[in-house]
N, C-alpha and C. Protein backbone atom coordinates (compact mmCIF):
# COMPACT_ATOMS: atom_id res chain seq x y z
N MET A 1 -23.95 24.75 -36.44
CA MET A 1 -23.23 24.94 -35.03
C MET A 1 -22.22 25.79 -35.14
N ALA A 2 -21.58 26.32 -34.07
CA ALA A 2 -20.57 27.16 -33.74
C ALA A 2 -19.80 26.07 -33.87
N GLN A 3 -18.19 26.82 -34.58
CA GLN A 3 -17.12 26.06 -34.34
C GLN A 3 -16.19 27.08 -32.99
N LEU A 4 -15.74 26.01 -32.17
CA LEU A 4 -14.94 26.50 -31.01
C LEU A 4 -13.63 26.46 -31.93
N ARG A 5 -13.15 27.99 -31.34
CA ARG A 5 -11.85 27.86 -31.81
C ARG A 5 -10.59 27.05 -31.55
N GLY A 6 -9.86 26.78 -32.47
CA GLY A 6 -8.56 26.10 -32.68
C GLY A 6 -9.27 24.52 -32.63
N ALA A 7 -10.32 24.08 -32.66
CA ALA A 7 -10.95 22.91 -32.99
C ALA A 7 -11.72 22.76 -34.66
N SER A 8 -11.47 21.81 -34.61
CA SER A 8 -11.83 21.17 -36.17
C SER A 8 -13.15 20.52 -36.12
N ARG A 9 -13.62 20.36 -37.39
CA ARG A 9 -15.32 19.89 -36.95
C ARG A 9 -14.39 17.80 -36.58
N ASN A 10 -13.65 17.16 -36.90
CA ASN A 10 -13.01 15.97 -36.49
C ASN A 10 -12.72 15.56 -35.55
N GLN A 11 -12.23 16.95 -34.36
CA GLN A 11 -11.69 17.10 -32.94
C GLN A 11 -12.16 17.38 -32.17
N PRO A 12 -13.02 16.67 -30.51
CA PRO A 12 -13.55 17.62 -29.96
C PRO A 12 -12.50 18.67 -29.21
N PRO A 13 -13.12 19.67 -29.07
CA PRO A 13 -13.05 20.73 -28.12
C PRO A 13 -11.28 20.08 -27.26
N PRO A 14 -10.55 21.09 -27.15
CA PRO A 14 -9.60 21.22 -25.83
C PRO A 14 -10.07 21.12 -24.58
N ALA A 15 -9.41 20.25 -23.85
CA ALA A 15 -9.96 20.16 -22.51
C ALA A 15 -9.58 21.20 -21.95
N PRO A 16 -10.67 21.84 -20.69
CA PRO A 16 -10.50 22.67 -19.49
C PRO A 16 -9.13 22.10 -19.28
N ALA A 17 -8.23 23.71 -18.62
CA ALA A 17 -7.25 22.94 -17.94
C ALA A 17 -7.42 22.67 -16.67
N ALA A 18 -6.84 21.56 -15.92
CA ALA A 18 -6.66 20.76 -14.76
C ALA A 18 -6.81 22.07 -13.50
N LYS A 19 -7.51 22.00 -12.80
CA LYS A 19 -7.06 22.49 -11.47
C LYS A 19 -6.29 21.74 -10.62
N LYS A 20 -5.04 22.59 -10.14
CA LYS A 20 -4.02 21.87 -8.97
C LYS A 20 -5.29 21.58 -7.89
N ALA A 21 -4.98 20.64 -7.54
CA ALA A 21 -5.64 20.12 -6.10
C ALA A 21 -4.99 20.74 -4.94
N VAL A 22 -5.41 21.37 -4.02
CA VAL A 22 -5.01 21.39 -2.80
C VAL A 22 -5.62 20.77 -1.22
N PRO A 23 -4.65 20.37 -0.98
CA PRO A 23 -5.71 19.52 0.26
C PRO A 23 -6.33 20.71 1.15
N ILE A 24 -7.29 20.30 1.50
CA ILE A 24 -7.80 21.22 2.40
C ILE A 24 -7.48 20.80 4.38
N PRO A 25 -7.06 21.12 5.10
CA PRO A 25 -6.93 20.55 6.34
C PRO A 25 -8.27 20.07 7.16
N PRO A 26 -7.99 19.35 7.72
CA PRO A 26 -9.19 19.24 8.48
C PRO A 26 -9.93 20.24 9.48
N SER A 27 -11.18 20.68 10.01
CA SER A 27 -11.39 21.21 10.85
C SER A 27 -11.01 21.15 11.75
N ASP A 28 -11.36 20.05 12.16
CA ASP A 28 -11.06 19.40 14.07
C ASP A 28 -9.24 20.14 14.59
N PRO A 29 -8.81 20.72 15.40
CA PRO A 29 -7.81 21.72 15.41
C PRO A 29 -6.50 20.22 16.02
N ALA A 30 -7.47 19.74 16.92
CA ALA A 30 -6.44 18.14 17.27
C ALA A 30 -6.07 17.30 15.43
N GLU A 31 -7.33 17.20 14.93
CA GLU A 31 -7.05 16.28 13.58
C GLU A 31 -5.74 16.70 12.62
N ARG A 32 -6.09 18.18 12.89
CA ARG A 32 -5.28 19.18 11.68
C ARG A 32 -3.71 19.00 12.15
N ILE A 33 -3.23 19.14 13.49
CA ILE A 33 -2.12 19.10 14.41
C ILE A 33 -1.70 17.58 13.91
N LYS A 34 -2.29 16.49 14.11
CA LYS A 34 -2.11 15.41 13.78
C LYS A 34 -1.62 14.60 12.42
N ALA A 35 -2.52 15.25 10.95
CA ALA A 35 -2.09 15.84 9.27
C ALA A 35 -0.95 16.60 9.80
N ARG A 36 -0.97 17.50 10.09
CA ARG A 36 0.27 18.38 9.76
C ARG A 36 1.73 17.59 9.98
N THR A 37 1.66 16.79 11.32
CA THR A 37 2.68 16.36 12.01
C THR A 37 2.98 15.37 11.31
N GLU A 38 1.93 14.59 10.71
CA GLU A 38 2.26 13.16 9.45
C GLU A 38 2.75 13.36 8.41
N GLY A 39 2.57 14.39 8.25
CA GLY A 39 2.57 15.18 6.67
C GLY A 39 4.15 15.47 6.88
N LEU A 40 4.78 16.40 7.92
CA LEU A 40 5.98 16.85 8.18
C LEU A 40 6.41 15.25 8.01
N ALA A 41 6.41 14.30 9.03
CA ALA A 41 6.99 13.33 9.42
C ALA A 41 7.41 12.42 8.24
N GLY A 42 6.72 12.79 7.15
CA GLY A 42 6.96 11.60 5.76
C GLY A 42 8.13 12.67 4.97
N ILE A 43 7.65 13.87 5.21
CA ILE A 43 9.20 14.82 4.33
C ILE A 43 10.30 14.23 5.30
N ALA A 44 10.54 14.46 6.77
CA ALA A 44 11.58 13.91 7.29
C ALA A 44 12.02 12.95 7.20
N GLN A 45 11.21 12.12 6.95
CA GLN A 45 11.40 10.10 6.29
C GLN A 45 12.16 10.20 4.72
N LEU A 46 11.88 11.55 3.98
CA LEU A 46 12.43 11.58 2.64
C LEU A 46 13.89 11.91 2.80
N ALA A 47 13.72 12.85 3.56
CA ALA A 47 15.44 13.73 3.94
C ALA A 47 16.71 12.39 4.63
N MET A 48 15.86 11.66 5.74
CA MET A 48 16.44 10.57 6.22
C MET A 48 16.55 9.77 4.86
N PHE A 49 16.42 9.49 4.34
CA PHE A 49 16.32 8.32 2.86
C PHE A 49 17.52 8.84 2.20
N GLY A 50 17.40 10.06 2.06
CA GLY A 50 18.29 11.22 1.16
C GLY A 50 19.57 10.91 1.58
N SER A 51 19.96 11.26 3.38
CA SER A 51 21.03 10.95 4.14
C SER A 51 21.69 9.93 3.60
N LEU A 52 20.68 8.62 3.79
CA LEU A 52 21.30 7.52 3.89
C LEU A 52 21.95 6.75 2.32
N ILE A 53 20.98 7.29 1.41
CA ILE A 53 21.93 7.40 -0.07
C ILE A 53 23.36 7.66 -0.11
N LYS A 54 23.56 8.83 0.72
CA LYS A 54 24.26 9.97 0.48
C LYS A 54 25.51 9.34 1.47
N GLY A 55 25.37 8.57 2.47
CA GLY A 55 26.14 8.06 3.34
C GLY A 55 26.49 8.91 4.61
N ASN A 56 25.46 9.86 5.03
CA ASN A 56 25.50 10.86 5.95
C ASN A 56 24.71 10.18 6.62
N MET A 57 25.23 9.30 7.55
CA MET A 57 24.51 8.63 8.63
C MET A 57 24.30 9.46 9.71
N ALA A 58 25.26 10.16 10.23
CA ALA A 58 25.17 11.27 11.59
C ALA A 58 23.73 12.22 11.49
N ASP A 59 23.55 12.33 9.62
CA ASP A 59 22.64 13.10 9.83
C ASP A 59 21.03 12.38 9.98
N VAL A 60 20.96 10.97 9.19
CA VAL A 60 20.20 9.78 9.29
C VAL A 60 20.01 9.96 10.82
N GLY A 61 20.84 10.08 12.00
CA GLY A 61 20.51 10.04 13.26
C GLY A 61 19.97 11.12 13.98
N ALA A 62 20.69 12.56 13.31
CA ALA A 62 19.78 13.33 13.76
C ALA A 62 18.40 13.63 13.58
N ILE A 63 17.91 13.42 12.31
CA ILE A 63 16.57 13.48 11.48
C ILE A 63 15.93 12.42 12.40
N SER A 64 16.49 11.20 12.81
CA SER A 64 15.76 10.09 13.14
C SER A 64 15.18 10.50 14.89
N MET A 65 16.11 11.46 15.25
CA MET A 65 16.47 11.70 16.95
C MET A 65 15.59 13.00 17.08
N TYR A 66 15.29 14.04 15.81
CA TYR A 66 14.54 15.12 16.31
C TYR A 66 13.52 15.97 15.93
N ALA A 67 13.75 14.96 14.43
CA ALA A 67 12.50 15.37 13.95
C ALA A 67 11.26 15.29 14.20
N PRO A 68 10.48 13.96 14.66
CA PRO A 68 9.47 13.87 15.30
C PRO A 68 8.90 14.89 16.66
N LYS A 69 9.92 15.31 17.39
CA LYS A 69 9.47 16.60 18.13
C LYS A 69 9.17 17.91 17.36
N LEU A 70 10.41 17.82 16.25
CA LEU A 70 10.45 19.24 15.21
C LEU A 70 8.91 19.55 14.94
N CYS A 71 8.31 17.96 14.09
CA CYS A 71 7.22 18.21 13.45
C CYS A 71 6.06 18.17 14.19
N GLU A 72 6.13 17.69 15.41
CA GLU A 72 5.14 17.98 16.17
C GLU A 72 5.00 19.23 16.84
N GLU A 73 5.97 20.10 17.11
CA GLU A 73 6.21 21.57 17.49
C GLU A 73 5.73 22.05 15.98
N SER A 74 6.11 22.36 15.25
CA SER A 74 5.73 23.49 13.44
C SER A 74 4.32 22.85 13.80
N ALA A 75 3.42 21.87 13.73
CA ALA A 75 2.39 21.73 13.36
C ALA A 75 1.43 22.32 14.86
N ILE A 76 1.92 22.50 15.84
CA ILE A 76 1.31 23.02 16.86
C ILE A 76 1.57 24.33 16.65
N LEU A 77 2.57 25.07 16.32
CA LEU A 77 2.78 26.49 16.13
C LEU A 77 1.95 26.99 15.00
N ALA A 78 1.57 25.82 13.97
CA ALA A 78 0.90 26.40 12.71
C ALA A 78 -0.52 26.55 13.37
N GLU A 79 -1.13 25.76 14.30
CA GLU A 79 -2.43 26.27 14.75
C GLU A 79 -2.66 27.67 15.46
N LYS A 80 -1.21 28.19 15.57
CA LYS A 80 -1.34 30.24 16.35
C LYS A 80 -1.10 30.76 15.32
N ASN A 81 -0.35 30.32 14.34
CA ASN A 81 0.04 31.14 13.20
C ASN A 81 -0.19 31.12 12.03
N GLU A 82 -1.56 31.75 11.53
CA GLU A 82 -1.96 31.12 10.07
C GLU A 82 -1.13 31.15 9.34
N ASN A 83 -0.28 32.07 8.96
CA ASN A 83 0.28 32.47 7.91
C ASN A 83 1.44 30.75 7.61
N PHE A 84 2.20 30.65 8.73
CA PHE A 84 3.13 29.40 8.53
C PHE A 84 1.95 28.15 8.59
N GLY A 85 0.78 27.89 9.27
CA GLY A 85 -0.46 27.14 8.99
C GLY A 85 -0.22 26.50 7.40
N ARG A 86 -0.66 28.16 6.75
CA ARG A 86 -1.09 28.02 5.15
C ARG A 86 0.11 27.29 4.80
N THR A 87 1.36 27.86 4.95
CA THR A 87 2.86 27.40 4.61
C THR A 87 3.07 25.79 4.99
N LEU A 88 2.87 25.47 5.85
CA LEU A 88 2.83 24.02 6.42
C LEU A 88 2.18 22.89 5.63
N ASP A 89 0.83 23.72 5.88
CA ASP A 89 0.00 23.06 4.74
C ASP A 89 0.15 22.92 2.92
N PHE A 90 1.24 23.23 2.99
CA PHE A 90 1.36 23.48 1.59
C PHE A 90 2.24 22.46 1.41
N ILE A 91 3.23 22.12 2.53
CA ILE A 91 4.84 21.64 2.30
C ILE A 91 3.88 20.13 2.75
N ALA A 92 3.40 19.87 3.95
CA ALA A 92 3.21 19.02 4.75
C ALA A 92 2.24 17.94 3.94
N MET A 93 1.34 18.85 3.39
CA MET A 93 -0.29 17.99 2.84
C MET A 93 0.36 18.51 1.04
N ALA A 94 1.20 18.01 0.63
CA ALA A 94 1.58 18.17 -0.81
C ALA A 94 1.06 16.96 -1.33
N GLY A 95 0.34 16.09 -1.31
CA GLY A 95 -0.58 15.52 -1.66
C GLY A 95 -0.32 13.66 -2.34
N PRO A 96 -0.95 13.23 -3.16
CA PRO A 96 -0.18 11.50 -3.06
C PRO A 96 1.02 11.25 -3.18
N TYR A 97 1.72 12.64 -3.71
CA TYR A 97 2.85 12.29 -4.34
C TYR A 97 3.87 11.99 -2.66
N THR A 98 3.77 13.02 -2.06
CA THR A 98 4.65 12.68 -0.74
C THR A 98 4.24 11.55 0.02
N ALA A 99 3.34 11.36 -0.44
CA ALA A 99 2.83 9.86 0.61
C ALA A 99 3.33 8.49 -0.33
N LEU A 100 3.35 9.10 -1.59
CA LEU A 100 3.78 7.82 -2.73
C LEU A 100 5.15 7.45 -2.32
N LEU A 101 6.21 8.68 -2.31
CA LEU A 101 7.43 8.41 -2.19
C LEU A 101 7.94 8.32 -1.03
N THR A 102 7.06 8.84 -0.03
CA THR A 102 7.46 7.50 1.89
C THR A 102 7.24 6.52 1.50
N ALA A 103 6.61 6.08 0.79
CA ALA A 103 5.53 4.32 0.93
C ALA A 103 6.96 3.86 0.24
N ALA A 104 7.38 4.60 -0.69
CA ALA A 104 7.83 3.70 -1.73
C ALA A 104 9.89 3.57 -1.18
N VAL A 105 10.07 4.39 -0.23
CA VAL A 105 11.27 4.59 0.61
C VAL A 105 11.78 3.10 0.86
N PRO A 106 10.73 2.61 1.73
CA PRO A 106 11.38 1.41 2.66
C PRO A 106 11.61 -0.05 1.19
N PHE A 107 11.08 0.33 0.46
CA PHE A 107 10.92 -0.85 -0.61
C PHE A 107 12.27 -0.46 -1.52
N VAL A 108 12.60 0.71 -1.73
CA VAL A 108 13.54 0.81 -2.33
C VAL A 108 14.85 0.04 -1.47
N LEU A 109 14.96 0.90 -0.14
CA LEU A 109 15.87 0.05 0.84
C LEU A 109 15.94 -0.93 0.50
N GLN A 110 15.34 -1.78 0.75
CA GLN A 110 14.95 -3.45 0.63
C GLN A 110 15.30 -3.73 -0.35
N ILE A 111 15.06 -3.28 -1.87
CA ILE A 111 15.84 -3.95 -2.73
C ILE A 111 17.28 -3.52 -3.36
N ALA A 112 17.60 -2.32 -2.48
CA ALA A 112 19.43 -1.93 -2.41
C ALA A 112 19.85 -2.94 -1.26
N ALA A 113 19.49 -3.39 -0.51
CA ALA A 113 19.37 -4.24 0.64
C ALA A 113 20.15 -5.89 0.37
N ASN A 114 18.65 -6.19 -0.66
CA ASN A 114 19.12 -7.68 -1.30
C ASN A 114 20.10 -7.90 -2.42
N HIS A 115 20.39 -6.26 -3.04
CA HIS A 115 21.24 -6.82 -3.83
C HIS A 115 22.82 -6.15 -3.16
N LYS A 116 22.96 -5.74 -2.42
CA LYS A 116 24.33 -5.83 -1.13
C LYS A 116 24.71 -4.49 -1.88
N ARG A 117 23.89 -3.57 -2.18
CA ARG A 117 23.84 -2.21 -1.80
C ARG A 117 23.92 -1.44 -1.07
N LEU A 118 23.05 -1.36 -0.02
CA LEU A 118 23.23 -1.45 1.21
C LEU A 118 23.33 -2.19 2.38
N ASP A 119 23.75 -1.84 3.28
CA ASP A 119 24.01 -2.86 4.63
C ASP A 119 22.17 -2.58 4.94
N PRO A 120 21.72 -3.96 5.21
CA PRO A 120 19.88 -3.79 5.76
C PRO A 120 20.42 -3.24 7.78
N ALA A 121 21.35 -2.93 8.21
CA ALA A 121 21.58 -2.53 9.34
C ALA A 121 21.66 -0.94 9.26
N LEU A 122 21.81 -0.85 8.32
CA LEU A 122 21.80 0.66 8.02
C LEU A 122 20.16 1.25 7.96
N ALA A 123 19.41 0.27 7.31
CA ALA A 123 18.24 0.95 6.09
C ALA A 123 16.91 0.13 7.84
N ALA A 124 17.57 -0.57 8.79
CA ALA A 124 16.72 -0.54 9.66
C ALA A 124 15.60 -0.01 10.11
N HIS A 125 15.80 1.19 10.12
CA HIS A 125 14.83 1.86 10.92
C HIS A 125 13.94 2.27 9.84
N PHE A 126 13.93 1.87 8.62
CA PHE A 126 12.70 1.78 7.97
C PHE A 126 11.93 0.64 7.19
N GLY A 127 12.75 -0.43 8.19
CA GLY A 127 12.14 -1.67 8.54
C GLY A 127 12.00 -2.60 7.26
N VAL A 128 13.99 -2.46 6.99
CA VAL A 128 14.49 -3.42 6.06
C VAL A 128 14.90 -4.41 6.65
N LEU A 129 15.34 -5.65 6.55
CA LEU A 129 15.69 -6.98 6.60
C LEU A 129 16.40 -7.13 5.88
N SER A 130 17.61 -7.97 6.65
CA SER A 130 18.60 -8.66 5.47
C SER A 130 17.62 -9.87 4.73
N PRO A 131 18.74 -9.78 3.81
CA PRO A 131 17.99 -10.82 2.65
C PRO A 131 17.76 -12.19 2.75
N GLU A 132 18.67 -12.72 3.57
CA GLU A 132 18.15 -13.91 4.12
C GLU A 132 16.81 -13.74 4.70
N VAL A 133 16.89 -12.98 5.87
CA VAL A 133 15.17 -13.09 6.52
C VAL A 133 14.56 -12.85 5.67
N LEU A 134 14.68 -12.28 4.76
CA LEU A 134 13.01 -11.93 3.93
C LEU A 134 13.09 -13.14 3.06
N ALA A 135 14.27 -13.36 2.51
CA ALA A 135 14.44 -14.71 1.83
C ALA A 135 13.67 -16.25 2.57
N ALA A 136 13.75 -16.29 4.19
CA ALA A 136 13.20 -17.65 5.03
C ALA A 136 12.16 -16.85 4.82
N ARG A 137 11.53 -15.57 4.91
CA ARG A 137 9.61 -15.41 5.34
C ARG A 137 8.97 -16.12 4.26
N ALA A 138 9.56 -15.42 2.67
CA ALA A 138 9.22 -15.93 1.36
C ALA A 138 8.75 -17.48 1.19
N ARG A 139 9.67 -18.14 1.72
CA ARG A 139 9.58 -19.24 1.56
C ARG A 139 8.75 -19.99 2.61
N LYS A 140 8.76 -19.51 3.58
CA LYS A 140 7.85 -20.15 4.50
C LYS A 140 6.47 -19.56 4.44
N GLU A 141 5.94 -18.36 3.51
CA GLU A 141 4.78 -18.03 2.88
C GLU A 141 4.48 -18.78 1.88
N LEU A 142 5.23 -19.29 1.71
CA LEU A 142 4.94 -20.21 -0.22
C LEU A 142 4.94 -21.18 0.33
N ALA A 143 5.55 -21.59 1.30
CA ALA A 143 4.82 -23.14 1.95
C ALA A 143 3.55 -23.00 2.45
N GLU A 144 3.32 -21.96 3.10
CA GLU A 144 1.82 -21.85 3.88
C GLU A 144 0.82 -22.32 3.03
N MET A 145 0.92 -21.16 1.23
CA MET A 145 0.22 -21.14 0.67
C MET A 145 0.07 -22.83 -0.18
N GLU A 146 1.09 -23.23 -0.29
CA GLU A 146 0.71 -24.53 -0.96
C GLU A 146 0.50 -25.55 0.05
N LEU A 147 0.36 -25.67 1.14
CA LEU A 147 -0.01 -26.42 2.14
C LEU A 147 -1.67 -26.10 2.12
N ARG A 148 -2.24 -24.61 2.17
CA ARG A 148 -3.30 -24.24 2.46
C ARG A 148 -4.29 -25.15 1.04
N ALA A 149 -2.82 -25.03 -0.31
CA ALA A 149 -3.94 -25.31 -1.77
C ALA A 149 -3.95 -26.76 -1.95
N LYS A 150 -3.14 -27.68 -1.17
CA LYS A 150 -3.45 -29.11 -0.89
C LYS A 150 -4.11 -29.32 -0.14
N LEU A 151 -4.41 -28.76 0.96
CA LEU A 151 -6.35 -29.13 1.85
C LEU A 151 -7.20 -28.84 0.98
N GLU A 152 -6.86 -27.44 0.24
CA GLU A 152 -8.21 -26.74 -0.21
C GLU A 152 -8.48 -27.96 -1.56
N GLN A 153 -7.12 -28.92 -2.29
CA GLN A 153 -7.65 -29.64 -2.93
C GLN A 153 -8.22 -30.93 -2.64
N GLN A 154 -7.01 -31.20 -1.31
CA GLN A 154 -7.85 -32.55 -0.82
C GLN A 154 -9.39 -32.49 -0.38
N ALA A 155 -10.09 -31.36 0.10
CA ALA A 155 -11.21 -31.14 0.62
C ALA A 155 -12.14 -31.21 -1.05
N ALA A 156 -11.92 -30.27 -1.77
CA ALA A 156 -12.64 -30.51 -2.93
C ALA A 156 -12.84 -32.01 -3.59
N GLU A 157 -11.55 -32.53 -3.35
CA GLU A 157 -11.79 -34.12 -4.25
C GLU A 157 -12.43 -34.79 -3.11
N ALA A 158 -12.48 -34.74 -1.78
CA ALA A 158 -13.26 -35.52 -0.28
C ALA A 158 -15.01 -34.95 -1.27
N GLU A 159 -15.15 -34.32 -1.25
CA GLU A 159 -16.49 -33.39 -1.62
C GLU A 159 -16.99 -34.04 -2.93
N LEU A 160 -16.27 -33.60 -4.31
CA LEU A 160 -16.40 -34.66 -5.03
C LEU A 160 -16.76 -35.74 -5.59
N ALA A 161 -15.83 -36.68 -4.42
CA ALA A 161 -16.16 -38.37 -4.42
C ALA A 161 -17.48 -38.16 -3.15
N ARG A 162 -17.95 -37.60 -2.49
CA ARG A 162 -19.30 -37.40 -1.78
C ARG A 162 -20.42 -37.50 -2.67
N ILE A 163 -20.04 -36.12 -3.83
CA ILE A 163 -20.93 -36.16 -4.70
C ILE A 163 -21.24 -36.96 -5.59
N THR A 164 -20.21 -37.43 -6.07
CA THR A 164 -20.09 -38.64 -7.21
C THR A 164 -21.24 -39.69 -6.80
N GLU A 165 -20.71 -40.14 -5.83
CA GLU A 165 -21.23 -41.70 -4.75
C GLU A 165 -22.92 -41.19 -4.19
N GLU A 166 -23.25 -40.02 -3.75
CA GLU A 166 -24.36 -39.64 -3.71
C GLU A 166 -25.32 -39.85 -5.37
N PHE A 167 -24.63 -39.49 -6.24
CA PHE A 167 -25.57 -39.33 -7.38
C PHE A 167 -25.84 -40.63 -7.91
N MET A 168 -24.57 -41.28 -7.96
CA MET A 168 -24.67 -42.80 -8.23
C MET A 168 -25.12 -43.28 -7.77
N ARG A 169 -25.55 -43.21 -6.01
CA ARG A 169 -26.55 -43.92 -5.07
C ARG A 169 -28.43 -43.72 -5.93
N GLY A 170 -28.43 -42.03 -6.16
CA GLY A 170 -29.54 -41.91 -6.72
C GLY A 170 -29.73 -42.34 -8.30
N GLN A 171 -28.70 -42.67 -8.91
CA GLN A 171 -28.89 -43.21 -10.08
C GLN A 171 -29.33 -44.75 -9.67
N ALA A 172 -28.85 -45.40 -8.82
CA ALA A 172 -29.06 -47.05 -8.79
C ALA A 172 -30.78 -46.98 -7.98
N ASP A 173 -30.83 -45.85 -7.55
CA ASP A 173 -32.17 -45.88 -6.86
C ASP A 173 -33.08 -45.61 -7.39
N ALA A 174 -32.95 -44.60 -8.47
CA ALA A 174 -33.73 -44.78 -9.50
C ALA A 174 -34.32 -45.69 -10.80
N GLN A 175 -33.13 -46.56 -10.82
CA GLN A 175 -33.17 -47.91 -11.46
C GLN A 175 -33.64 -48.55 -10.75
N GLU A 176 -33.52 -48.95 -9.89
CA GLU A 176 -34.50 -49.88 -9.04
C GLU A 176 -35.73 -49.70 -8.99
N ARG A 177 -36.11 -48.57 -8.68
CA ARG A 177 -37.84 -47.83 -9.03
C ARG A 177 -38.19 -48.45 -10.31
N GLN A 178 -37.09 -47.60 -11.16
CA GLN A 178 -37.79 -48.25 -12.81
C GLN A 178 -37.92 -49.17 -13.04
N GLN A 179 -37.02 -50.60 -12.57
CA GLN A 179 -37.02 -52.21 -12.79
C GLN A 179 -38.70 -52.50 -11.89
N GLN A 180 -38.81 -51.92 -10.47
CA GLN A 180 -39.98 -52.64 -9.66
C GLN A 180 -40.93 -51.83 -10.63
N ALA A 181 -41.03 -50.95 -11.10
CA ALA A 181 -42.11 -50.33 -11.68
C ALA A 181 -42.66 -51.15 -13.23
N ALA A 182 -42.01 -51.77 -13.37
CA ALA A 182 -41.82 -52.20 -14.98
C ALA A 182 -42.36 -53.72 -14.57
N ALA A 183 -41.95 -54.39 -12.92
CA ALA A 183 -42.38 -55.66 -12.96
C ALA A 183 -43.58 -55.59 -12.56
N VAL A 184 -44.16 -54.57 -11.80
CA VAL A 184 -45.65 -54.37 -11.53
C VAL A 184 -46.73 -54.38 -12.69
């Protein structure tokens, strides 16, 4: 059997180089505009996060105020200009990493607010709540879960009692039939 260059008999051949995933924009122009707009909005949210961390509240306000329209108009222009569209697709559809970062921003900000590193009012745009509101929600959810568990336990205990009673009745009936059969 021929041996591959660089591989020994005890080692598998090297894996082929991974190809870089290139997102394919939707074929429908309206869907493409929507996808590009959303991708750019994610980038804008990351920029807003960076501005917030640096304390540049005026930039946060400017991004919040102007980025949505800028993202949409850029996506519309990309439909008319193929080169711009390819560039925009590369930027806006950078793949799961941008989506992951965009999803992580509110979480990171909330943790910062919970530990008094950030005023929650400054990050309200990202859905950040005061630690007190978040703690009250968590206590309420835990109480609801505890109540559901207690009700489920009570229902299971009632069902067990019913099954046990039915079983005991069946046992008593069977014993009575045996006694009647023995008496005959």
